[in-house]
């Protein structure tokens, strides 16, 4: 089994690391743990991430720019194909790849599918791949050891390391291991910056995260969020600003719209309350969040609708 070490040097290193894995492998949670702040939305629902999110971790030895991608999967729609294309395009431009394989699930067809993709990538462009056994706190030591052996047999990895983003176990070691494969370079971003995501994208992600909680399994694939505008409220005192944030939530069928709204609007109010708190932390002041749920029939399979929604 490969050792948990990479090339060592005292020179400063900076570059891009991409976390890949099948849906719900813990990529977004690990991204947040490595950065030390929430830069990627998380959910128990699969296929939460819809676009790459760059989280930036800076310390006195390296700056690690983390690219959290959608989960690679066998696509069932035009959206799924575009998400897979986005992942593969990202993989061709990073310095190191972290392949996340959750310890609480056995190696399956999805993992094998990604491993074959990574092997094909290695033939196109040689890039280090670190296999990360995520969610290590969810299993006992014997099961974890069994999982690590299975990972070793899945491909030719540059390193294998277990970690738990929830408990923090070995998160620092993962950061150091990924950073050890980066090129020598001064920092690419200011040391206090933790993400380069546009504010409107972050707002949309916070709304989508809130909307995903507690809904049926099929809904996450059918839900998209688009921010219409963020406008400063006129007449507010300088020391107490406020923004009006207007957001559209799109689903594919009227029955899904009813799920999001809930009985008497109760579910939509919960979504608004949760999302507003996150948006206020992001903007640093109070907001009035105006949410509207709309039906865009079969938008996942409609090229024009995908373009309009930013996919």
Protein backbone atom coordinates (compact mmCIF):
# COMPACT_ATOMS: atom_id res chain seq x y z
CA UNK A 1 0.00 0.00 0.00
CA UNK A 2 1.45 3.43 -0.86
CA UNK A 3 2.83 5.44 2.00
CA UNK A 4 1.04 8.49 3.38
CA UNK A 5 3.80 10.82 2.32
CA UNK A 6 4.59 12.88 -0.74
CA UNK A 7 7.64 14.73 -1.97
CA UNK A 8 9.04 17.09 0.64
CA UNK A 9 10.63 20.50 0.33
CA UNK A 10 10.88 23.70 2.31
CA UNK A 11 10.02 25.84 -0.73
CA UNK A 12 6.59 27.49 -0.76
CA UNK A 13 4.03 25.70 -2.92
CA UNK A 14 0.79 26.86 -4.51
CA UNK A 15 -1.62 25.23 -6.89
CA UNK A 16 -4.94 23.54 -7.55
CA UNK A 17 -6.31 20.33 -6.07
CA UNK A 18 -9.50 18.71 -7.30
CA UNK A 19 -11.66 16.47 -5.11
CA UNK A 20 -13.55 13.86 -7.11
CA UNK A 21 -15.78 10.94 -6.17
CA UNK A 22 -19.22 9.57 -6.71
CA UNK A 23 -22.17 11.57 -5.36
CA UNK A 24 -22.32 11.88 -1.56
CA UNK A 25 -18.71 10.77 -1.07
CA UNK A 26 -18.01 13.64 1.34
CA UNK A 27 -16.21 15.98 -1.06
CA UNK A 28 -17.99 19.18 -0.05
CA UNK A 29 -17.69 18.45 3.67
CA UNK A 30 -13.97 17.78 3.27
CA UNK A 31 -13.55 20.98 1.25
CA UNK A 32 -15.11 23.00 4.07
CA UNK A 33 -12.97 21.23 6.69
CA UNK A 34 -9.76 21.87 4.77
CA UNK A 35 -10.57 25.55 4.23
CA UNK A 36 -11.82 26.01 7.79
CA UNK A 37 -14.96 27.81 6.60
CA UNK A 38 -18.11 26.88 4.72
CA UNK A 39 -17.46 27.44 1.02
CA UNK A 40 -19.39 24.46 -0.42
CA UNK A 41 -22.94 23.41 0.36
CA UNK A 42 -23.45 20.01 1.94
CA UNK A 43 -26.42 17.69 2.02
CA UNK A 44 -27.24 14.05 2.64
CA UNK A 45 -28.80 14.10 -0.82
CA UNK A 46 -26.61 12.96 -3.74
CA UNK A 47 -25.52 15.30 -6.53
CA UNK A 48 -25.57 18.38 -4.30
CA UNK A 49 -22.70 20.18 -6.04
CA UNK A 50 -23.60 21.50 -9.48
CA UNK A 51 -20.45 23.44 -10.35
CA UNK A 52 -16.83 23.67 -9.27
CA UNK A 53 -16.25 25.63 -6.07
CA UNK A 54 -12.84 26.94 -5.19
CA UNK A 55 -11.97 26.98 -1.53
CA UNK A 56 -8.60 28.47 -0.63
CA UNK A 57 -6.45 27.21 2.24
CA UNK A 58 -3.34 29.24 3.03
CA UNK A 59 -0.68 28.48 5.65
CA UNK A 60 3.00 29.22 6.10
CA UNK A 61 4.08 26.38 3.78
CA UNK A 62 1.55 26.26 0.96
CA UNK A 63 -1.60 27.66 -0.60
CA UNK A 64 -3.98 24.90 -1.60
CA UNK A 65 -6.79 25.96 -3.96
CA UNK A 66 -9.48 23.29 -3.64
CA UNK A 67 -11.82 22.65 -6.53
CA UNK A 68 -14.92 20.76 -5.39
CA UNK A 69 -16.66 19.22 -8.41
CA UNK A 70 -20.01 17.56 -9.02
CA UNK A 71 -19.96 13.81 -8.38
CA UNK A 72 -18.96 11.78 -11.41
CA UNK A 73 -21.79 9.43 -12.34
CA UNK A 74 -23.40 7.68 -15.28
CA UNK A 75 -25.48 10.53 -16.73
CA UNK A 76 -29.26 10.13 -17.11
CA UNK A 77 -29.91 13.56 -18.61
CA UNK A 78 -28.26 16.38 -20.55
CA UNK A 79 -27.58 18.07 -17.20
CA UNK A 80 -25.78 14.94 -15.97
CA UNK A 81 -23.66 14.83 -19.11
CA UNK A 82 -22.73 18.50 -18.78
CA UNK A 83 -21.77 18.00 -15.13
CA UNK A 84 -19.53 15.06 -16.06
CA UNK A 85 -17.92 17.12 -18.84
CA UNK A 86 -17.28 19.88 -16.28
CA UNK A 87 -15.49 17.42 -13.98
CA UNK A 88 -13.29 16.02 -16.75
CA UNK A 89 -12.40 19.51 -17.97
CA UNK A 90 -11.41 20.45 -14.42
CA UNK A 91 -9.25 17.34 -13.99
CA UNK A 92 -7.12 18.33 -16.95
CA UNK A 93 -6.11 21.63 -15.35
CA UNK A 94 -5.26 20.78 -11.72
CA UNK A 95 -1.97 19.85 -10.05
CA UNK A 96 -3.23 17.00 -7.85
CA UNK A 97 -6.44 14.99 -7.54
CA UNK A 98 -8.03 13.71 -4.34
CA UNK A 99 -10.24 10.68 -5.03
CA UNK A 100 -12.79 10.46 -2.19
CA UNK A 101 -14.10 7.00 -1.29
CA UNK A 102 -16.46 6.92 1.74
CA UNK A 103 -15.44 4.41 4.40
CA UNK A 104 -19.04 3.62 5.36
CA UNK A 105 -19.77 2.20 1.89
CA UNK A 106 -18.06 -0.63 0.08
CA UNK A 107 -16.32 -0.05 -3.22
CA UNK A 108 -19.02 -0.10 -5.87
CA UNK A 109 -19.59 0.34 -9.60
CA UNK A 110 -19.52 4.13 -9.23
CA UNK A 111 -16.04 4.04 -7.70
CA UNK A 112 -14.82 1.66 -10.40
CA UNK A 113 -16.27 3.95 -13.07
CA UNK A 114 -14.30 6.92 -11.68
CA UNK A 115 -11.12 4.86 -11.21
CA UNK A 116 -11.23 3.93 -14.91
CA UNK A 117 -11.76 7.61 -15.80
CA UNK A 118 -8.74 8.58 -13.71
CA UNK A 119 -6.63 5.84 -15.33
CA UNK A 120 -7.61 7.19 -18.74
CA UNK A 121 -6.71 10.70 -17.59
CA UNK A 122 -3.28 9.47 -16.54
CA UNK A 123 -2.67 8.37 -20.12
CA UNK A 124 -3.52 11.86 -21.37
CA UNK A 125 -1.80 13.90 -18.67
CA UNK A 126 0.23 12.61 -15.75
CA UNK A 127 -1.22 14.10 -12.53
CA UNK A 128 -0.78 12.75 -8.97
CA UNK A 129 -3.85 11.06 -7.48
CA UNK A 130 -4.32 10.71 -3.72
CA UNK A 131 -7.01 8.22 -2.65
CA UNK A 132 -8.84 9.57 0.42
CA UNK A 133 -10.92 7.23 2.59
CA UNK A 134 -13.49 9.77 3.81
CA UNK A 135 -15.90 9.36 6.76
CA UNK A 136 -13.35 7.22 8.65
CA UNK A 137 -15.09 8.05 11.94
CA UNK A 138 -18.19 6.13 10.82
CA UNK A 139 -16.56 2.66 10.89
CA UNK A 140 -14.41 0.61 13.27
CA UNK A 141 -10.70 -0.02 12.71
CA UNK A 142 -11.14 -3.44 11.12
CA UNK A 143 -13.66 -2.13 8.59
CA UNK A 144 -11.42 0.86 7.83
CA UNK A 145 -8.43 -1.42 7.24
CA UNK A 146 -10.55 -3.55 4.91
CA UNK A 147 -11.63 -0.42 3.04
CA UNK A 148 -8.03 0.78 2.62
CA UNK A 149 -7.00 -2.59 1.16
CA UNK A 150 -9.93 -2.41 -1.28
CA UNK A 151 -8.89 1.11 -2.31
CA UNK A 152 -5.33 -0.10 -2.90
CA UNK A 153 -6.63 -2.77 -5.26
CA UNK A 154 -8.74 -0.30 -7.21
CA UNK A 155 -5.89 1.57 -8.91
CA UNK A 156 -2.31 2.81 -8.87
CA UNK A 157 -2.49 5.72 -6.42
CA UNK A 158 0.33 8.07 -5.43
CA UNK A 159 -0.87 7.90 -1.82
CA UNK A 160 -3.74 6.57 0.30
CA UNK A 161 -4.97 8.27 3.47
CA UNK A 162 -8.06 7.97 5.70
CA UNK A 163 -9.72 11.00 7.27
CA UNK A 164 -12.90 12.33 8.84
CA UNK A 165 -14.00 15.83 7.94
CA UNK A 166 -16.65 15.71 10.67
CA UNK A 167 -14.34 14.80 13.57
CA UNK A 168 -11.30 16.53 12.08
CA UNK A 169 -9.22 13.37 12.23
CA UNK A 170 -6.29 13.55 9.76
CA UNK A 171 -7.69 16.61 7.96
CA UNK A 172 -4.40 18.46 8.50
CA UNK A 173 -2.49 15.45 7.17
CA UNK A 174 -4.67 15.40 4.05
CA UNK A 175 -3.96 19.10 3.50
CA UNK A 176 -0.23 18.57 3.86
CA UNK A 177 -0.26 15.54 1.58
CA UNK A 178 -2.16 17.29 -1.21
CA UNK A 179 0.02 20.40 -0.87
CA UNK A 180 3.20 18.31 -1.14
CA UNK A 181 2.37 17.57 -4.78
CA UNK A 182 1.86 21.24 -5.74
CA UNK A 183 4.48 23.11 -7.77
CA UNK A 184 6.82 25.59 -6.14
CA UNK A 185 5.12 28.97 -6.42
CA UNK A 186 4.23 32.08 -4.42
CA UNK A 187 0.59 32.34 -3.27
CA UNK A 188 -1.97 32.72 -6.06
CA UNK A 189 -4.56 34.51 -3.87
CA UNK A 190 -4.39 36.96 -0.92
CA UNK A 191 -3.78 35.04 2.34
CA UNK A 192 -7.14 36.02 3.87
CA UNK A 193 -9.26 34.95 0.88
CA UNK A 194 -11.13 31.63 1.32
CA UNK A 195 -13.06 31.42 -1.98
CA UNK A 196 -13.27 33.04 -5.40
CA UNK A 197 -16.93 32.19 -5.93
CA UNK A 198 -19.07 35.17 -7.03
CA UNK A 199 -21.48 36.40 -4.36
CA UNK A 200 -24.56 35.64 -6.48
CA UNK A 201 -23.44 32.03 -6.91
CA UNK A 202 -22.92 31.65 -3.16
CA UNK A 203 -26.38 33.09 -2.46
CA UNK A 204 -27.97 30.65 -4.93
CA UNK A 205 -26.11 27.75 -3.34
CA UNK A 206 -27.26 28.71 0.15
CA UNK A 207 -30.88 28.79 -1.02
CA UNK A 208 -30.52 25.44 -2.77
CA UNK A 209 -28.93 23.86 0.30
CA UNK A 210 -31.84 25.02 2.46
CA UNK A 211 -34.36 23.76 -0.10
CA UNK A 212 -32.72 20.32 -0.27
CA UNK A 213 -33.14 19.58 3.43
CA UNK A 214 -35.92 17.14 4.19
CA UNK A 215 -37.21 16.66 0.63
CA UNK A 216 -37.77 13.45 -1.28
CA UNK A 217 -34.87 11.70 -2.95
CA UNK A 218 -35.82 12.57 -6.53
CA UNK A 219 -36.18 16.30 -5.96
CA UNK A 220 -32.49 17.36 -5.71
CA UNK A 221 -31.93 16.52 -9.38
CA UNK A 222 -34.94 18.64 -10.38
CA UNK A 223 -34.15 21.74 -8.34
CA UNK A 224 -32.26 24.79 -9.62
CA UNK A 225 -31.86 28.25 -8.13
CA UNK A 226 -31.27 31.56 -9.87
CA UNK A 227 -30.70 34.91 -8.15
CA UNK A 228 -32.65 37.64 -9.91
CA UNK A 229 -31.07 40.58 -8.11
CA UNK A 230 -29.48 41.86 -4.94
CA UNK A 231 -30.36 45.52 -4.33
CA UNK A 232 -29.37 47.76 -1.43
CA UNK A 233 -32.47 49.02 0.38
CA UNK A 234 -32.71 52.79 -0.01
CA UNK A 235 -32.93 55.07 2.99
CA UNK A 236 -31.12 52.72 5.40
CA UNK A 237 -28.57 54.18 7.87
CA UNK A 238 -24.94 53.51 7.00
CA UNK A 239 -24.40 51.50 10.18
CA UNK A 240 -27.45 49.29 9.53
CA UNK A 241 -27.65 48.50 5.79
CA UNK A 242 -30.13 46.05 4.30
CA UNK A 243 -30.39 44.29 0.93
CA UNK A 244 -33.39 43.01 -0.97
CA UNK A 245 -32.54 39.60 -2.43
CA UNK A 246 -34.89 38.15 -5.05
CA UNK A 247 -34.46 34.49 -5.90
CA UNK A 248 -36.29 32.03 -8.16
CA UNK A 249 -36.36 28.33 -7.31
CA UNK A 250 -37.06 26.14 -10.35
CA UNK A 251 -38.52 22.62 -10.35
CA UNK A 252 -39.71 20.43 -13.21
CA UNK A 253 -43.27 19.53 -12.19
CA UNK A 254 -46.19 21.14 -10.32
CA UNK A 255 -46.08 18.32 -7.75
CA UNK A 256 -42.49 19.28 -6.91
CA UNK A 257 -43.51 22.90 -6.54
CA UNK A 258 -46.08 21.80 -3.95
CA UNK A 259 -43.36 19.93 -2.03
CA UNK A 260 -41.10 23.00 -1.85
CA UNK A 261 -43.92 25.34 -0.83
CA UNK A 262 -45.47 22.96 1.70
CA UNK A 263 -48.87 23.16 3.35
CA UNK A 264 -49.89 26.79 3.61
CA UNK A 265 -46.39 27.88 2.56
CA UNK A 266 -44.82 26.39 5.71
CA UNK A 267 -41.96 24.61 3.93
CA UNK A 268 -41.00 27.66 1.85
CA UNK A 269 -40.92 29.80 5.02
CA UNK A 270 -38.48 27.32 6.59
CA UNK A 271 -36.30 27.43 3.49
CA UNK A 272 -36.34 31.23 3.57
CA UNK A 273 -35.46 31.43 7.26
CA UNK A 274 -32.52 29.03 6.90
CA UNK A 275 -31.20 30.57 3.69
CA UNK A 276 -31.57 34.14 4.96
CA UNK A 277 -29.34 33.41 7.96
CA UNK A 278 -26.58 32.11 5.68
CA UNK A 279 -26.94 35.00 3.24
CA UNK A 280 -26.73 37.54 6.07
CA UNK A 281 -23.50 35.93 7.29
CA UNK A 282 -22.17 36.05 3.73
CA UNK A 283 -23.08 39.71 3.11
CA UNK A 284 -22.43 40.93 6.65
CA UNK A 285 -25.79 42.69 7.03
CA UNK A 286 -29.54 42.08 7.15
CA UNK A 287 -31.45 40.98 4.07
CA UNK A 288 -35.05 40.67 2.93
CA UNK A 289 -35.25 37.41 1.00
CA UNK A 290 -38.01 37.20 -1.63
CA UNK A 291 -38.39 33.56 -2.80
CA UNK A 292 -40.50 32.40 -5.74
CA UNK A 293 -40.98 28.77 -6.84
CA UNK A 294 -41.49 28.26 -10.58
CA UNK A 295 -42.01 25.25 -12.85
CA UNK A 296 -39.62 24.83 -15.80
CA UNK A 297 -40.77 21.59 -17.40
CA UNK A 298 -37.97 19.03 -17.92
CA UNK A 299 -35.29 21.71 -17.67
CA UNK A 300 -32.56 19.08 -17.13
CA UNK A 301 -33.09 17.87 -20.70
CA UNK A 302 -33.67 21.24 -22.35
CA UNK A 303 -30.46 22.82 -23.76
CA UNK A 304 -31.94 26.33 -23.76
CA UNK A 305 -33.18 26.02 -20.18
CA UNK A 306 -29.77 24.68 -19.06
CA UNK A 307 -28.04 27.64 -20.72
CA UNK A 308 -30.47 30.07 -19.08
CA UNK A 309 -29.87 28.53 -15.65
CA UNK A 310 -26.09 28.64 -16.04
CA UNK A 311 -25.26 25.00 -16.77
